[in-house]
Amino acid sequence: MFYSNSVINSLQVRLAEKLGKACGYDDYQLFLINSGAEANENAMKLASFHTGKPRVIAFSKAFHGRTSLAVEATDNPKIQAPVNATPNVTIVPFCDIDAVKAEIAKGDVAAVIIEGIQGVGGIQIPSDEFMHQLRTLTQESGVVLILDEIQSGYGRTGKFFAHQWSGIKADIVTMAKGICNGYPMGALICSPEFKPVYGMLGTTFGGNHLGCAGAIAVLEIFEKEQLVENARKVGEHLLTELKKIPGIKEVRGRGLMIGMEFDYPVKELRNRLIHEQHVFTGASGTNMIRLLPPLTLTIAQADEFITRLKSAL
């Protein structure tokens, strides 16, 4: 059933209220769409409208989506078509504040977009110092700071958004994935400084009844089962236990967003895990296993994973 956004959907208001309370951005405005890439597209577009400037700064190893501007802000030429090769995005080294300053000084930068924690890029965590420097620099320069929390947000790291570990506040935050537990949905929240203009952004299916009902239910379960706190507690346990295992070069992450880096390609190890131990894992690059388990994971289940990982090693 198609339901036009020309008609008020009261579930959108309920979702906005619950989400604002849950994430600590209760004075921000909510725009609902269908995916993470769409959230980032609209965030960068909104920043350009707001500043009147054309360029976005992104970081090395970033992944922001596969659509037009989102893929241009993704540091992977293999998935960029010639049509995506425009001067609208500049990639700078990850966590290099001097490089950001140099680009902003050119006077045409609308926004800086950064992931709370890089997922596809290898569970790379921006330092608290860098995040504070970036927030100060963007505020002083009138540049919009966009936090892409599509993978690292929605409680995954033990706070609602990963950037909240640094104690900063973004101008725009994008989210998807966990927002509706697998149903196609995305969202962005933006500062009250952004003044909405009719027709500036639009969506056909964003904020539909089923999506809103599902997203509301997710937030209710988050609160009832204390899933953000669970992600923090179980994640800390996993990180501690993984760091004790010989043969893993480095373990990094926050909450239930964890990367295990090895000195060798992990393809065969992942095959053993899934075929012999019945454990499905993700990857990032050649030498890293990426762990993104459900936020409902228990300590006992985490310990079972450790046992099976040791067997596979």
Protein backbone atom coordinates (compact mmCIF):
# COMPACT_ATOMS: atom_id res chain seq x y z
CA MET A 1 0.00 0.00 0.00
CA PHE A 2 1.35 3.42 -0.93
CA TYR A 3 0.72 6.21 1.55
CA SER A 4 1.70 9.73 0.51
CA ASN A 5 3.79 11.96 2.76
CA SER A 6 1.39 14.72 1.77
CA VAL A 7 -0.80 13.35 4.58
CA ILE A 8 0.34 13.63 8.19
CA ASN A 9 1.51 10.35 9.72
CA SER A 10 1.30 10.62 13.51
CA LEU A 11 3.73 7.72 13.92
CA GLN A 12 6.49 9.96 12.55
CA VAL A 13 5.92 12.38 15.43
CA ARG A 14 5.98 9.57 18.00
CA LEU A 15 9.20 8.21 16.50
CA ALA A 16 10.83 11.64 16.51
CA GLU A 17 10.00 12.13 20.18
CA LYS A 18 11.26 8.67 21.23
CA LEU A 19 14.41 8.87 19.11
CA GLY A 20 15.29 12.34 20.36
CA LYS A 21 14.96 11.20 23.97
CA ALA A 22 16.93 7.99 23.38
CA CYS A 23 19.87 9.53 21.52
CA GLY A 24 20.24 12.79 23.46
CA TYR A 25 19.45 15.06 20.50
CA ASP A 26 15.88 15.90 21.53
CA ASP A 27 15.99 19.43 20.08
CA TYR A 28 17.09 18.26 16.61
CA GLN A 29 14.83 17.83 13.57
CA LEU A 30 14.21 14.41 12.01
CA PHE A 31 14.04 13.50 8.30
CA LEU A 32 13.12 9.91 7.46
CA ILE A 33 14.25 8.09 4.34
CA ASN A 34 14.93 4.51 3.22
CA SER A 35 18.64 3.70 3.57
CA GLY A 36 22.01 4.82 4.87
CA ALA A 37 23.29 6.02 1.51
CA GLU A 38 20.15 8.11 1.11
CA ALA A 39 20.67 9.56 4.58
CA ASN A 40 24.22 10.63 3.69
CA GLU A 41 23.14 12.02 0.30
CA ASN A 42 20.55 14.22 1.98
CA ALA A 43 22.91 15.24 4.78
CA MET A 44 25.53 16.53 2.34
CA LYS A 45 22.87 18.19 0.20
CA LEU A 46 21.39 19.89 3.26
CA ALA A 47 24.84 21.12 4.31
CA SER A 48 25.41 22.60 0.86
CA PHE A 49 22.00 24.31 0.91
CA HIS A 50 22.75 25.68 4.38
CA THR A 51 26.21 27.08 3.59
CA GLY A 52 25.81 27.85 -0.10
CA LYS A 53 29.11 26.05 -0.73
CA PRO A 54 29.84 23.09 -3.03
CA ARG A 55 32.55 20.93 -1.48
CA VAL A 56 32.67 18.14 1.13
CA ILE A 57 35.70 16.76 2.98
CA ALA A 58 35.82 13.02 3.70
CA PHE A 59 38.57 10.75 5.00
CA SER A 60 40.82 7.99 3.76
CA LYS A 61 39.24 4.51 3.99
CA ALA A 62 35.81 6.09 4.49
CA PHE A 63 32.64 4.33 3.36
CA HIS A 64 29.45 6.40 3.09
CA GLY A 65 27.38 4.50 0.53
CA ARG A 66 27.14 3.60 -3.16
CA THR A 67 24.89 6.32 -4.54
CA SER A 68 25.99 9.50 -6.32
CA LEU A 69 27.54 11.86 -3.75
CA ALA A 70 27.81 9.16 -1.06
CA VAL A 71 30.04 7.01 -3.24
CA GLU A 72 32.12 10.05 -4.17
CA ALA A 73 32.74 10.51 -0.43
CA THR A 74 33.75 6.84 -0.21
CA ASP A 75 37.47 6.19 -0.53
CA ASN A 76 37.23 3.31 -3.00
CA PRO A 77 37.75 4.12 -6.69
CA LYS A 78 36.69 0.57 -7.65
CA ILE A 79 33.04 1.34 -6.91
CA GLN A 80 33.04 4.84 -8.41
CA ALA A 81 31.82 5.20 -12.00
CA PRO A 82 33.19 8.00 -14.21
CA VAL A 83 30.01 9.98 -13.53
CA ASN A 84 31.00 10.08 -9.85
CA ALA A 85 34.37 11.70 -10.60
CA THR A 86 33.61 15.33 -9.74
CA PRO A 87 35.45 17.93 -7.66
CA ASN A 88 32.67 17.95 -5.06
CA VAL A 89 34.51 15.75 -2.53
CA THR A 90 38.10 15.90 -1.28
CA ILE A 91 39.56 12.90 0.57
CA VAL A 92 42.13 13.75 3.26
CA PRO A 93 44.17 11.43 5.53
CA PHE A 94 42.22 9.99 8.46
CA CYS A 95 42.53 12.09 11.64
CA ASP A 96 44.82 14.67 10.00
CA ILE A 97 43.54 17.98 11.38
CA ASP A 98 46.11 20.02 9.46
CA ALA A 99 44.88 18.57 6.17
CA VAL A 100 41.30 19.48 7.09
CA LYS A 101 42.39 23.02 8.03
CA ALA A 102 44.16 23.44 4.68
CA GLU A 103 41.06 22.44 2.72
CA ILE A 104 38.66 24.56 4.78
CA ALA A 105 40.98 27.56 4.30
CA LYS A 106 40.16 27.48 0.58
CA GLY A 107 36.72 28.86 1.48
CA ASP A 108 34.43 26.53 -0.49
CA VAL A 109 33.81 23.70 2.01
CA ALA A 110 30.21 23.04 3.02
CA ALA A 111 30.75 20.02 5.25
CA VAL A 112 33.07 17.48 6.77
CA ILE A 113 31.68 13.94 6.95
CA ILE A 114 33.20 11.30 9.21
CA GLU A 115 32.13 7.93 10.58
CA GLY A 116 31.80 7.53 14.34
CA ILE A 117 34.02 4.47 13.84
CA GLN A 118 35.13 3.39 10.39
CA GLY A 119 33.60 -0.02 9.70
CA VAL A 120 34.54 -0.99 6.16
CA GLY A 121 37.80 0.92 6.70
CA GLY A 122 38.92 -1.54 9.39
CA ILE A 123 37.38 -0.53 12.73
CA GLN A 124 39.39 2.67 12.84
CA ILE A 125 38.45 4.84 15.83
CA PRO A 126 39.05 8.60 15.55
CA SER A 127 40.80 9.86 18.67
CA ASP A 128 38.89 11.99 21.15
CA GLU A 129 41.48 14.73 20.65
CA PHE A 130 40.92 14.75 16.89
CA MET A 131 37.14 14.81 17.26
CA HIS A 132 37.33 17.83 19.57
CA GLN A 133 39.73 19.60 17.20
CA LEU A 134 37.41 18.84 14.28
CA ARG A 135 34.34 20.09 16.12
CA THR A 136 36.08 23.32 17.12
CA LEU A 137 37.46 23.90 13.63
CA THR A 138 34.13 23.34 11.87
CA GLN A 139 32.26 25.55 14.31
CA GLU A 140 34.75 28.39 13.94
CA SER A 141 34.72 28.06 10.13
CA GLY A 142 30.96 27.77 9.64
CA VAL A 143 31.38 24.28 8.17
CA VAL A 144 28.76 21.62 8.84
CA LEU A 145 29.97 18.55 10.76
CA ILE A 146 28.19 15.37 9.62
CA LEU A 147 28.57 12.21 11.70
CA ASP A 148 27.84 9.05 9.74
CA GLU A 149 26.54 6.67 12.41
CA ILE A 150 24.96 4.20 10.00
CA GLN A 151 27.12 1.29 11.15
CA SER A 152 28.53 2.60 14.43
CA GLY A 153 25.30 4.08 15.79
CA TYR A 154 22.10 2.83 17.34
CA GLY A 155 23.74 1.51 20.48
CA ARG A 156 26.36 -0.66 18.80
CA THR A 157 29.36 0.82 20.64
CA GLY A 158 27.78 1.07 24.09
CA LYS A 159 26.53 4.61 23.57
CA PHE A 160 23.68 5.52 21.28
CA PHE A 161 26.12 7.09 18.80
CA ALA A 162 29.84 6.28 18.67
CA HIS A 163 30.86 9.95 18.52
CA GLN A 164 29.29 10.46 21.94
CA TRP A 165 32.32 8.70 23.47
CA SER A 166 34.22 11.86 22.54
CA GLY A 167 31.68 14.14 24.18
CA ILE A 168 31.03 16.21 21.04
CA LYS A 169 27.81 17.13 19.28
CA ALA A 170 27.43 17.05 15.49
CA ASP A 171 25.36 19.35 13.27
CA ILE A 172 23.87 16.41 11.36
CA VAL A 173 23.83 12.71 12.30
CA THR A 174 22.89 9.99 9.83
CA MET A 175 21.60 6.55 10.76
CA ALA A 176 20.08 3.39 9.25
CA LYS A 177 20.78 -0.37 9.70
CA GLY A 178 19.63 -0.93 13.31
CA ILE A 179 16.92 1.73 13.19
CA CYS A 180 14.20 -0.76 12.17
CA ASN A 181 15.87 -4.10 12.81
CA GLY A 182 16.38 -4.93 9.14
CA TYR A 183 13.41 -3.25 7.49
CA PRO A 184 14.60 -0.68 4.89
CA MET A 185 14.78 2.63 6.72
CA GLY A 186 17.18 5.50 7.23
CA ALA A 187 17.15 8.86 8.95
CA LEU A 188 19.06 12.01 9.62
CA ILE A 189 18.75 14.44 12.47
CA CYS A 190 19.87 18.04 12.10
CA SER A 191 20.47 21.00 14.35
CA PRO A 192 17.74 23.62 14.93
CA GLU A 193 20.04 26.00 13.03
CA PHE A 194 18.87 24.36 9.80
CA LYS A 195 15.68 26.05 8.64
CA PRO A 196 13.48 23.70 6.62
CA VAL A 197 12.13 24.96 3.31
CA TYR A 198 9.21 23.22 1.64
CA GLY A 199 10.46 20.90 -1.08
CA MET A 200 14.16 21.19 -0.14
CA LEU A 201 14.28 17.47 0.67
CA GLY A 202 11.71 14.86 -0.26
CA THR A 203 10.93 11.16 -0.16
CA THR A 204 8.26 8.86 -1.54
CA PHE A 205 8.43 5.99 0.95
CA GLY A 206 10.48 7.47 3.80
CA GLY A 207 8.71 7.47 7.15
CA ASN A 208 5.99 5.05 6.04
CA HIS A 209 3.68 3.53 8.63
CA LEU A 210 5.35 0.11 8.79
CA GLY A 211 8.83 1.61 9.09
CA CYS A 212 7.79 4.01 11.84
CA ALA A 213 5.96 1.29 13.78
CA GLY A 214 9.02 -0.94 13.56
CA ALA A 215 11.41 1.84 14.58
CA ILE A 216 9.24 2.74 17.57
CA ALA A 217 9.19 -0.93 18.63
CA VAL A 218 13.00 -1.10 18.36
CA LEU A 219 13.39 1.89 20.69
CA GLU A 220 10.92 0.39 23.15
CA ILE A 221 12.93 -2.85 23.22
CA PHE A 222 16.16 -0.88 23.57
CA GLU A 223 14.78 0.73 26.72
CA LYS A 224 13.11 -2.37 28.15
CA GLU A 225 16.11 -4.67 27.63
CA GLN A 226 18.79 -1.99 28.15
CA LEU A 227 20.51 -3.01 24.94
CA VAL A 228 22.88 -0.03 24.73
CA GLU A 229 24.25 -0.86 28.17
CA ASN A 230 24.38 -4.54 27.22
CA ALA A 231 26.47 -3.71 24.15
CA ARG A 232 28.91 -1.81 26.35
CA LYS A 233 29.16 -4.53 28.99
CA VAL A 234 29.42 -7.53 26.66
CA GLY A 235 31.68 -5.62 24.29
CA GLU A 236 34.13 -4.81 27.07
CA HIS A 237 34.19 -8.49 28.03
CA LEU A 238 34.80 -9.59 24.43
CA LEU A 239 37.59 -7.07 23.90
CA THR A 240 39.31 -8.18 27.12
CA GLU A 241 39.12 -11.87 26.24
CA LEU A 242 40.14 -11.44 22.61
CA LYS A 243 43.26 -9.52 23.61
CA LYS A 244 44.41 -12.57 25.59
CA ILE A 245 44.46 -14.85 22.52
CA PRO A 246 47.90 -15.42 20.98
CA GLY A 247 48.11 -15.01 17.23
CA ILE A 248 45.87 -11.98 16.91
CA LYS A 249 47.99 -9.00 15.86
CA GLU A 250 45.60 -6.34 17.20
CA VAL A 251 42.10 -6.10 18.64
CA ARG A 252 40.30 -2.78 18.50
CA GLY A 253 36.78 -1.48 18.81
CA ARG A 254 34.12 -0.24 21.16
CA GLY A 255 31.11 -2.11 22.45
CA LEU A 256 29.94 -4.70 19.93
CA MET A 257 31.85 -3.19 16.99
CA ILE A 258 35.13 -5.07 17.06
CA GLY A 259 37.96 -5.77 14.64
CA MET A 260 40.59 -8.52 14.91
CA GLU A 261 43.64 -7.90 12.76
CA PHE A 262 45.95 -10.76 11.77
CA ASP A 263 49.37 -10.98 10.12
CA TYR A 264 47.88 -13.09 7.34
CA PRO A 265 44.76 -13.17 5.12
CA VAL A 266 41.72 -14.27 7.11
CA LYS A 267 39.76 -15.97 4.31
CA GLU A 268 40.64 -19.53 5.39
CA LEU A 269 40.08 -18.72 9.06
CA ARG A 270 36.64 -17.34 8.26
CA ASN A 271 35.89 -20.48 6.24
CA ARG A 272 36.84 -22.68 9.20
CA LEU A 273 34.74 -20.57 11.53
CA ILE A 274 31.61 -20.87 9.42
CA HIS A 275 31.96 -24.47 8.16
CA GLU A 276 33.52 -26.12 11.22
CA GLN A 277 32.44 -23.89 14.10
CA HIS A 278 29.19 -22.51 12.61
CA VAL A 279 30.17 -18.94 13.42
CA PHE A 280 29.52 -16.26 10.82
CA THR A 281 31.90 -13.29 10.82
CA GLY A 282 32.45 -10.22 8.69
CA ALA A 283 35.67 -8.94 7.19
CA SER A 284 37.34 -5.65 6.42
CA GLY A 285 40.11 -5.85 3.88
CA THR A 286 42.33 -8.91 3.65
CA ASN A 287 43.64 -9.36 7.17
CA MET A 288 40.79 -8.27 9.44
CA ILE A 289 37.77 -10.07 10.85
CA ARG A 290 34.96 -7.71 11.75
CA LEU A 291 32.53 -8.58 14.56
CA LEU A 292 29.09 -6.92 14.56
CA PRO A 293 26.95 -9.30 16.67
CA PRO A 294 23.37 -8.62 17.78
CA LEU A 295 23.05 -6.14 20.64
CA THR A 296 21.24 -8.90 22.57
CA LEU A 297 24.46 -10.97 22.77
CA THR A 298 25.05 -12.38 26.26
CA ILE A 299 28.29 -12.93 28.15
CA ALA A 300 27.74 -16.69 27.83
CA GLN A 301 27.33 -16.43 24.06
CA ALA A 302 30.43 -14.24 23.85
CA ASP A 303 32.39 -16.89 25.77
CA GLU A 304 31.09 -19.58 23.41
CA PHE A 305 32.40 -17.53 20.49
CA ILE A 306 35.81 -17.23 22.15
CA THR A 307 35.92 -21.03 22.58
CA ARG A 308 35.03 -21.64 18.94
CA LEU A 309 37.48 -19.00 17.71
CA LYS A 310 40.29 -20.67 19.63
CA SER A 311 39.34 -24.01 18.08
CA ALA A 312 39.42 -22.48 14.59
CA LEU A 313 42.82 -20.91 15.23
